[in-house]
Amino acid sequence: MGATLTIRGDLAKRLETLSKSVHQSKSSLASQAIEEFLTVQEWHLQAIKEGIEAADKGDVVSHEEALAELKKWGKRAS
């Protein structure tokens, strides 16, 4: 099923420029961008849901434990 989407202003100009540069239709590029955006947003919402469920079950670490773990990460990067 197709849908009509209106893109205006600077965003439309940028899409037009990119479309010409990569030899792809504006529709194809817009669909790809929307797909990527939705994938990230859906992942983010799922991660939040899982975090809330874990917290509700008491599956959490203390602030001190979290800080200790983060300090280890900093030492590895040095």
PDB file of N, CA and C in Angstrom:
ATOM      1  N   MET A   1       0.836  -1.175   0.000  1.00  0.00           N
ATOM      2  CA  MET A   1       0.000   0.000   0.000  1.00  0.00           C
ATOM      3  C   MET A   1       0.884   1.242   0.000  1.00  0.00           C
ATOM      4  N   GLY A   2       0.630   2.144  -0.899  1.00  0.00           N
ATOM      5  CA  GLY A   2       1.402   3.370  -0.967  1.00  0.00           C
ATOM      6  C   GLY A   2       0.782   4.454  -0.113  1.00  0.00           C
ATOM      7  N   ALA A   3       1.602   5.416   0.239  1.00  0.00           N
ATOM      8  CA  ALA A   3       1.132   6.558   1.014  1.00  0.00           C
ATOM      9  C   ALA A   3       1.804   7.805   0.466  1.00  0.00           C
ATOM     10  N   THR A   4       1.151   8.910   0.632  1.00  0.00           N
ATOM     11  CA  THR A   4       1.706  10.178   0.194  1.00  0.00           C
ATOM     12  C   THR A   4       2.337  10.875   1.385  1.00  0.00           C
ATOM     13  N   LEU A   5       3.548  11.344   1.193  1.00  0.00           N
ATOM     14  CA  LEU A   5       4.283  12.036   2.235  1.00  0.00           C
ATOM     15  C   LEU A   5       4.789  13.347   1.654  1.00  0.00           C
ATOM     16  N   THR A   6       4.560  14.423   2.363  1.00  0.00           N
ATOM     17  CA  THR A   6       5.024  15.720   1.898  1.00  0.00           C
ATOM     18  C   THR A   6       6.237  16.139   2.714  1.00  0.00           C
ATOM     19  N   ILE A   7       7.298  16.487   2.008  1.00  0.00           N
ATOM     20  CA  ILE A   7       8.521  16.970   2.646  1.00  0.00           C
ATOM     21  C   ILE A   7       8.767  18.372   2.111  1.00  0.00           C
ATOM     22  N   ARG A   8       8.934  19.301   3.014  1.00  0.00           N
ATOM     23  CA  ARG A   8       9.046  20.704   2.611  1.00  0.00           C
ATOM     24  C   ARG A   8      10.373  21.324   3.029  1.00  0.00           C
ATOM     25  N   GLY A   9      10.624  22.485   2.453  1.00  0.00           N
ATOM     26  CA  GLY A   9      11.734  23.323   2.876  1.00  0.00           C
ATOM     27  C   GLY A   9      13.103  22.721   2.644  1.00  0.00           C
ATOM     28  N   ASP A  10      13.981  22.991   3.599  1.00  0.00           N
ATOM     29  CA  ASP A  10      15.375  22.568   3.492  1.00  0.00           C
ATOM     30  C   ASP A  10      15.498  21.050   3.410  1.00  0.00           C
ATOM     31  N   LEU A  11      14.634  20.349   4.112  1.00  0.00           N
ATOM     32  CA  LEU A  11      14.678  18.887   4.077  1.00  0.00           C
ATOM     33  C   LEU A  11      14.399  18.366   2.669  1.00  0.00           C
ATOM     34  N   ALA A  12      13.449  18.980   1.985  1.00  0.00           N
ATOM     35  CA  ALA A  12      13.134  18.578   0.609  1.00  0.00           C
ATOM     36  C   ALA A  12      14.317  18.854  -0.323  1.00  0.00           C
ATOM     37  N   LYS A  13      14.970  19.991  -0.114  1.00  0.00           N
ATOM     38  CA  LYS A  13      16.132  20.334  -0.942  1.00  0.00           C
ATOM     39  C   LYS A  13      17.277  19.352  -0.709  1.00  0.00           C
ATOM     40  N   ARG A  14      17.498  19.001   0.549  1.00  0.00           N
ATOM     41  CA  ARG A  14      18.557  18.056   0.873  1.00  0.00           C
ATOM     42  C   ARG A  14      18.269  16.686   0.271  1.00  0.00           C
ATOM     43  N   LEU A  15      17.018  16.270   0.341  1.00  0.00           N
ATOM     44  CA  LEU A  15      16.630  14.980  -0.229  1.00  0.00           C
ATOM     45  C   LEU A  15      16.826  14.984  -1.741  1.00  0.00           C
ATOM     46  N   GLU A  16      16.452  16.054  -2.381  1.00  0.00           N
ATOM     47  CA  GLU A  16      16.627  16.190  -3.832  1.00  0.00           C
ATOM     48  C   GLU A  16      18.108  16.108  -4.214  1.00  0.00           C
ATOM     49  N   THR A  17      18.949  16.818  -3.483  1.00  0.00           N
ATOM     50  CA  THR A  17      20.388  16.821  -3.749  1.00  0.00           C
ATOM     51  C   THR A  17      20.984  15.430  -3.572  1.00  0.00           C
ATOM     52  N   LEU A  18      20.624  14.773  -2.480  1.00  0.00           N
ATOM     53  CA  LEU A  18      21.139  13.432  -2.237  1.00  0.00           C
ATOM     54  C   LEU A  18      20.646  12.458  -3.294  1.00  0.00           C
ATOM     55  N   SER A  19      19.393  12.577  -3.655  1.00  0.00           N
ATOM     56  CA  SER A  19      18.804  11.704  -4.672  1.00  0.00           C
ATOM     57  C   SER A  19      19.603  11.768  -5.977  1.00  0.00           C
ATOM     58  N   LYS A  20      19.919  12.976  -6.388  1.00  0.00           N
ATOM     59  CA  LYS A  20      20.691  13.155  -7.616  1.00  0.00           C
ATOM     60  C   LYS A  20      22.117  12.612  -7.467  1.00  0.00           C
ATOM     61  N   SER A  21      22.706  12.822  -6.292  1.00  0.00           N
ATOM     62  CA  SER A  21      24.094  12.395  -6.066  1.00  0.00           C
ATOM     63  C   SER A  21      24.252  10.887  -6.076  1.00  0.00           C
ATOM     64  N   VAL A  22      23.274  10.185  -5.513  1.00  0.00           N
ATOM     65  CA  VAL A  22      23.413   8.730  -5.389  1.00  0.00           C
ATOM     66  C   VAL A  22      22.583   7.970  -6.413  1.00  0.00           C
ATOM     67  N   HIS A  23      21.913   8.703  -7.286  1.00  0.00           N
ATOM     68  CA  HIS A  23      21.107   8.110  -8.362  1.00  0.00           C
ATOM     69  C   HIS A  23      20.047   7.140  -7.828  1.00  0.00           C
ATOM     70  N   GLN A  24      19.374   7.596  -6.788  1.00  0.00           N
ATOM     71  CA  GLN A  24      18.250   6.842  -6.236  1.00  0.00           C
ATOM     72  C   GLN A  24      17.057   7.785  -6.155  1.00  0.00           C
ATOM     73  N   SER A  25      15.878   7.219  -6.197  1.00  0.00           N
ATOM     74  CA  SER A  25      14.688   8.063  -6.127  1.00  0.00           C
ATOM     75  C   SER A  25      14.537   8.672  -4.737  1.00  0.00           C
ATOM     76  N   LYS A  26      13.894   9.820  -4.695  1.00  0.00           N
ATOM     77  CA  LYS A  26      13.607  10.454  -3.413  1.00  0.00           C
ATOM     78  C   LYS A  26      12.752   9.531  -2.550  1.00  0.00           C
ATOM     79  N   SER A  27      11.822   8.848  -3.177  1.00  0.00           N
ATOM     80  CA  SER A  27      10.946   7.927  -2.455  1.00  0.00           C
ATOM     81  C   SER A  27      11.745   6.803  -1.805  1.00  0.00           C
ATOM     82  N   SER A  28      12.688   6.248  -2.541  1.00  0.00           N
ATOM     83  CA  SER A  28      13.521   5.170  -2.015  1.00  0.00           C
ATOM     84  C   SER A  28      14.354   5.644  -0.832  1.00  0.00           C
ATOM     85  N   LEU A  29      14.955   6.807  -0.970  1.00  0.00           N
ATOM     86  CA  LEU A  29      15.773   7.350   0.114  1.00  0.00           C
ATOM     87  C   LEU A  29      14.927   7.668   1.348  1.00  0.00           C
ATOM     88  N   ALA A  30      13.752   8.243   1.129  1.00  0.00           N
ATOM     89  CA  ALA A  30      12.872   8.568   2.255  1.00  0.00           C
ATOM     90  C   ALA A  30      12.424   7.291   2.957  1.00  0.00           C
ATOM     91  N   SER A  31      12.081   6.273   2.192  1.00  0.00           N
ATOM     92  CA  SER A  31      11.663   4.996   2.784  1.00  0.00           C
ATOM     93  C   SER A  31      12.791   4.386   3.605  1.00  0.00           C
ATOM     94  N   GLN A  32      14.001   4.438   3.070  1.00  0.00           N
ATOM     95  CA  GLN A  32      15.156   3.895   3.788  1.00  0.00           C
ATOM     96  C   GLN A  32      15.382   4.659   5.094  1.00  0.00           C
ATOM     97  N   ALA A  33      15.289   5.976   5.042  1.00  0.00           N
ATOM     98  CA  ALA A  33      15.499   6.794   6.240  1.00  0.00           C
ATOM     99  C   ALA A  33      14.427   6.510   7.295  1.00  0.00           C
ATOM    100  N   ILE A  34      13.189   6.378   6.859  1.00  0.00           N
ATOM    101  CA  ILE A  34      12.097   6.086   7.792  1.00  0.00           C
ATOM    102  C   ILE A  34      12.283   4.702   8.400  1.00  0.00           C
ATOM    103  N   GLU A  35      12.676   3.730   7.585  1.00  0.00           N
ATOM    104  CA  GLU A  35      12.915   2.371   8.083  1.00  0.00           C
ATOM    105  C   GLU A  35      13.998   2.372   9.156  1.00  0.00           C
ATOM    106  N   GLU A  36      15.104   3.050   8.900  1.00  0.00           N
ATOM    107  CA  GLU A  36      16.191   3.109   9.873  1.00  0.00           C
ATOM    108  C   GLU A  36      15.751   3.814  11.151  1.00  0.00           C
ATOM    109  N   PHE A  37      15.022   4.898  11.022  1.00  0.00           N
ATOM    110  CA  PHE A  37      14.523   5.627  12.181  1.00  0.00           C
ATOM    111  C   PHE A  37      13.607   4.746  13.015  1.00  0.00           C
ATOM    112  N   LEU A  38      12.657   4.077  12.365  1.00  0.00           N
ATOM    113  CA  LEU A  38      11.720   3.218  13.082  1.00  0.00           C
ATOM    114  C   LEU A  38      12.432   2.062  13.775  1.00  0.00           C
ATOM    115  N   THR A  39      13.419   1.477  13.116  1.00  0.00           N
ATOM    116  CA  THR A  39      14.178   0.384  13.716  1.00  0.00           C
ATOM    117  C   THR A  39      14.853   0.827  15.005  1.00  0.00           C
ATOM    118  N   VAL A  40      15.490   1.984  14.978  1.00  0.00           N
ATOM    119  CA  VAL A  40      16.171   2.499  16.174  1.00  0.00           C
ATOM    120  C   VAL A  40      15.157   2.818  17.267  1.00  0.00           C
ATOM    121  N   GLN A  41      14.061   3.468  16.913  1.00  0.00           N
ATOM    122  CA  GLN A  41      13.058   3.831  17.918  1.00  0.00           C
ATOM    123  C   GLN A  41      12.412   2.594  18.544  1.00  0.00           C
ATOM    124  N   GLU A  42      12.117   1.591  17.722  1.00  0.00           N
ATOM    125  CA  GLU A  42      11.526   0.357  18.238  1.00  0.00           C
ATOM    126  C   GLU A  42      12.503  -0.361  19.175  1.00  0.00           C
ATOM    127  N   TRP A  43      13.780  -0.401  18.798  1.00  0.00           N
ATOM    128  CA  TRP A  43      14.792  -1.009  19.654  1.00  0.00           C
ATOM    129  C   TRP A  43      14.874  -0.259  20.981  1.00  0.00           C
ATOM    130  N   HIS A  44      14.869   1.058  20.907  1.00  0.00           N
ATOM    131  CA  HIS A  44      14.981   1.887  22.104  1.00  0.00           C
ATOM    132  C   HIS A  44      13.805   1.632  23.046  1.00  0.00           C
ATOM    133  N   LEU A  45      12.602   1.615  22.507  1.00  0.00           N
ATOM    134  CA  LEU A  45      11.420   1.369  23.331  1.00  0.00           C
ATOM    135  C   LEU A  45      11.452  -0.033  23.945  1.00  0.00           C
ATOM    136  N   GLN A  46      11.917  -1.021  23.197  1.00  0.00           N
ATOM    137  CA  GLN A  46      12.024  -2.383  23.724  1.00  0.00           C
ATOM    138  C   GLN A  46      13.043  -2.439  24.857  1.00  0.00           C
ATOM    139  N   ALA A  47      14.167  -1.749  24.694  1.00  0.00           N
ATOM    140  CA  ALA A  47      15.191  -1.728  25.736  1.00  0.00           C
ATOM    141  C   ALA A  47      14.653  -1.079  27.008  1.00  0.00           C
ATOM    142  N   ILE A  48      13.891  -0.013  26.860  1.00  0.00           N
ATOM    143  CA  ILE A  48      13.276   0.640  28.021  1.00  0.00           C
ATOM    144  C   ILE A  48      12.304  -0.317  28.712  1.00  0.00           C
ATOM    145  N   LYS A  49      11.468  -0.985  27.924  1.00  0.00           N
ATOM    146  CA  LYS A  49      10.505  -1.935  28.469  1.00  0.00           C
ATOM    147  C   LYS A  49      11.218  -3.038  29.249  1.00  0.00           C
ATOM    148  N   GLU A  50      12.286  -3.583  28.668  1.00  0.00           N
ATOM    149  CA  GLU A  50      13.043  -4.639  29.338  1.00  0.00           C
ATOM    150  C   GLU A  50      13.689  -4.124  30.619  1.00  0.00           C
ATOM    151  N   GLY A  51      14.173  -2.897  30.590  1.00  0.00           N
ATOM    152  CA  GLY A  51      14.770  -2.306  31.786  1.00  0.00           C
ATOM    153  C   GLY A  51      13.750  -2.117  32.902  1.00  0.00           C
ATOM    154  N   ILE A  52      12.567  -1.659  32.541  1.00  0.00           N
ATOM    155  CA  ILE A  52      11.506  -1.487  33.534  1.00  0.00           C
ATOM    156  C   ILE A  52      11.097  -2.838  34.116  1.00  0.00           C
ATOM    157  N   GLU A  53      10.963  -3.846  33.254  1.00  0.00           N
ATOM    158  CA  GLU A  53      10.606  -5.194  33.725  1.00  0.00           C
ATOM    159  C   GLU A  53      11.672  -5.738  34.670  1.00  0.00           C
ATOM    160  N   ALA A  54      12.943  -5.528  34.341  1.00  0.00           N
ATOM    161  CA  ALA A  54      14.032  -5.996  35.203  1.00  0.00           C
ATOM    162  C   ALA A  54      13.986  -5.270  36.547  1.00  0.00           C
ATOM    163  N   ALA A  55      13.767  -3.981  36.513  1.00  0.00           N
ATOM    164  CA  ALA A  55      13.695  -3.201  37.753  1.00  0.00           C
ATOM    165  C   ALA A  55      12.515  -3.649  38.605  1.00  0.00           C
ATOM    166  N   ASP A  56      11.392  -3.907  37.956  1.00  0.00           N
ATOM    167  CA  ASP A  56      10.210  -4.381  38.691  1.00  0.00           C
ATOM    168  C   ASP A  56      10.475  -5.712  39.378  1.00  0.00           C
ATOM    169  N   LYS A  57      11.345  -6.536  38.804  1.00  0.00           N
ATOM    170  CA  LYS A  57      11.694  -7.842  39.376  1.00  0.00           C
ATOM    171  C   LYS A  57      12.811  -7.712  40.419  1.00  0.00           C
ATOM    172  N   GLY A  58      13.349  -6.507  40.547  1.00  0.00           N
ATOM    173  CA  GLY A  58      14.449  -6.301  41.485  1.00  0.00           C
ATOM    174  C   GLY A  58      15.801  -6.667  40.914  1.00  0.00           C
ATOM    175  N   ASP A  59      15.859  -6.886  39.626  1.00  0.00           N
ATOM    176  CA  ASP A  59      17.105  -7.268  38.952  1.00  0.00           C
ATOM    177  C   ASP A  59      17.892  -6.004  38.603  1.00  0.00           C
ATOM    178  N   VAL A  60      18.474  -5.407  39.625  1.00  0.00           N
ATOM    179  CA  VAL A  60      19.206  -4.152  39.451  1.00  0.00           C
ATOM    180  C   VAL A  60      20.513  -4.231  40.225  1.00  0.00           C
ATOM    181  N   VAL A  61      21.403  -3.313  39.953  1.00  0.00           N
ATOM    182  CA  VAL A  61      22.642  -3.201  40.722  1.00  0.00           C
ATOM    183  C   VAL A  61      22.614  -1.870  41.462  1.00  0.00           C
ATOM    184  N   SER A  62      23.375  -1.802  42.516  1.00  0.00           N
ATOM    185  CA  SER A  62      23.431  -0.565  43.291  1.00  0.00           C
ATOM    186  C   SER A  62      24.192   0.505  42.508  1.00  0.00           C
ATOM    187  N   HIS A  63      24.038   1.715  42.940  1.00  0.00           N
ATOM    188  CA  HIS A  63      24.751   2.840  42.335  1.00  0.00           C
ATOM    189  C   HIS A  63      26.256   2.614  42.441  1.00  0.00           C
ATOM    190  N   GLU A  64      26.688   2.138  43.597  1.00  0.00           N
ATOM    191  CA  GLU A  64      28.112   1.905  43.821  1.00  0.00           C
ATOM    192  C   GLU A  64      28.650   0.828  42.872  1.00  0.00           C
ATOM    193  N   GLU A  65      27.871  -0.238  42.681  1.00  0.00           N
ATOM    194  CA  GLU A  65      28.295  -1.300  41.752  1.00  0.00           C
ATOM    195  C   GLU A  65      28.394  -0.771  40.321  1.00  0.00           C
ATOM    196  N   ALA A  66      27.444   0.064  39.935  1.00  0.00           N
ATOM    197  CA  ALA A  66      27.461   0.640  38.581  1.00  0.00           C
ATOM    198  C   ALA A  66      28.681   1.537  38.401  1.00  0.00           C
ATOM    199  N   LEU A  67      28.978   2.360  39.402  1.00  0.00           N
ATOM    200  CA  LEU A  67      30.151   3.234  39.319  1.00  0.00           C
ATOM    201  C   LEU A  67      31.446   2.435  39.249  1.00  0.00           C
ATOM    202  N   ALA A  68      31.517   1.359  40.028  1.00  0.00           N
ATOM    203  CA  ALA A  68      32.717   0.520  40.004  1.00  0.00           C
ATOM    204  C   ALA A  68      32.917  -0.079  38.612  1.00  0.00           C
ATOM    205  N   GLU A  69      31.851  -0.526  37.995  1.00  0.00           N
ATOM    206  CA  GLU A  69      31.943  -1.093  36.640  1.00  0.00           C
ATOM    207  C   GLU A  69      32.374  -0.024  35.638  1.00  0.00           C
ATOM    208  N   LEU A  70      31.793   1.154  35.726  1.00  0.00           N
ATOM    209  CA  LEU A  70      32.163   2.241  34.814  1.00  0.00           C
ATOM    210  C   LEU A  70      33.620   2.645  34.981  1.00  0.00           C
ATOM    211  N   LYS A  71      34.116   2.622  36.203  1.00  0.00           N
ATOM    212  CA  LYS A  71      35.522   2.952  36.435  1.00  0.00           C
ATOM    213  C   LYS A  71      36.433   1.935  35.744  1.00  0.00           C
ATOM    214  N   LYS A  72      36.018   0.667  35.732  1.00  0.00           N
ATOM    215  CA  LYS A  72      36.802  -0.357  35.031  1.00  0.00           C
ATOM    216  C   LYS A  72      36.881  -0.041  33.543  1.00  0.00           C
ATOM    217  N   TRP A  73      35.767   0.408  32.971  1.00  0.00           N
ATOM    218  CA  TRP A  73      35.749   0.743  31.546  1.00  0.00           C
ATOM    219  C   TRP A  73      36.737   1.861  31.252  1.00  0.00           C
ATOM    220  N   GLY A  74      36.776   2.857  32.110  1.00  0.00           N
ATOM    221  CA  GLY A  74      37.681   3.984  31.911  1.00  0.00           C
ATOM    222  C   GLY A  74      39.133   3.548  31.955  1.00  0.00           C
ATOM    223  N   LYS A  75      39.466   2.585  32.852  1.00  0.00           N
ATOM    224  CA  LYS A  75      40.833   2.101  32.966  1.00  0.00           C
ATOM    225  C   LYS A  75      41.270   1.335  31.720  1.00  0.00           C
ATOM    226  N   ARG A  76      40.318   0.595  31.110  1.00  0.00           N
ATOM    227  CA  ARG A  76      40.649  -0.161  29.902  1.00  0.00           C
ATOM    228  C   ARG A  76      40.949   0.774  28.731  1.00  0.00           C
ATOM    229  N   ALA A  77      40.264   1.906  28.713  1.00  0.00           N
ATOM    230  CA  ALA A  77      40.423   2.839  27.585  1.00  0.00           C
ATOM    231  C   ALA A  77      41.723   3.626  27.722  1.00  0.00           C
ATOM    232  N   SER A  78      42.296   3.691  28.906  1.00  0.00           N
ATOM    233  CA  SER A  78      43.508   4.502  29.115  1.00  0.00           C
ATOM    234  C   SER A  78      44.725   3.861  28.504  1.00  0.00           C
TER     235      SER A  78
END
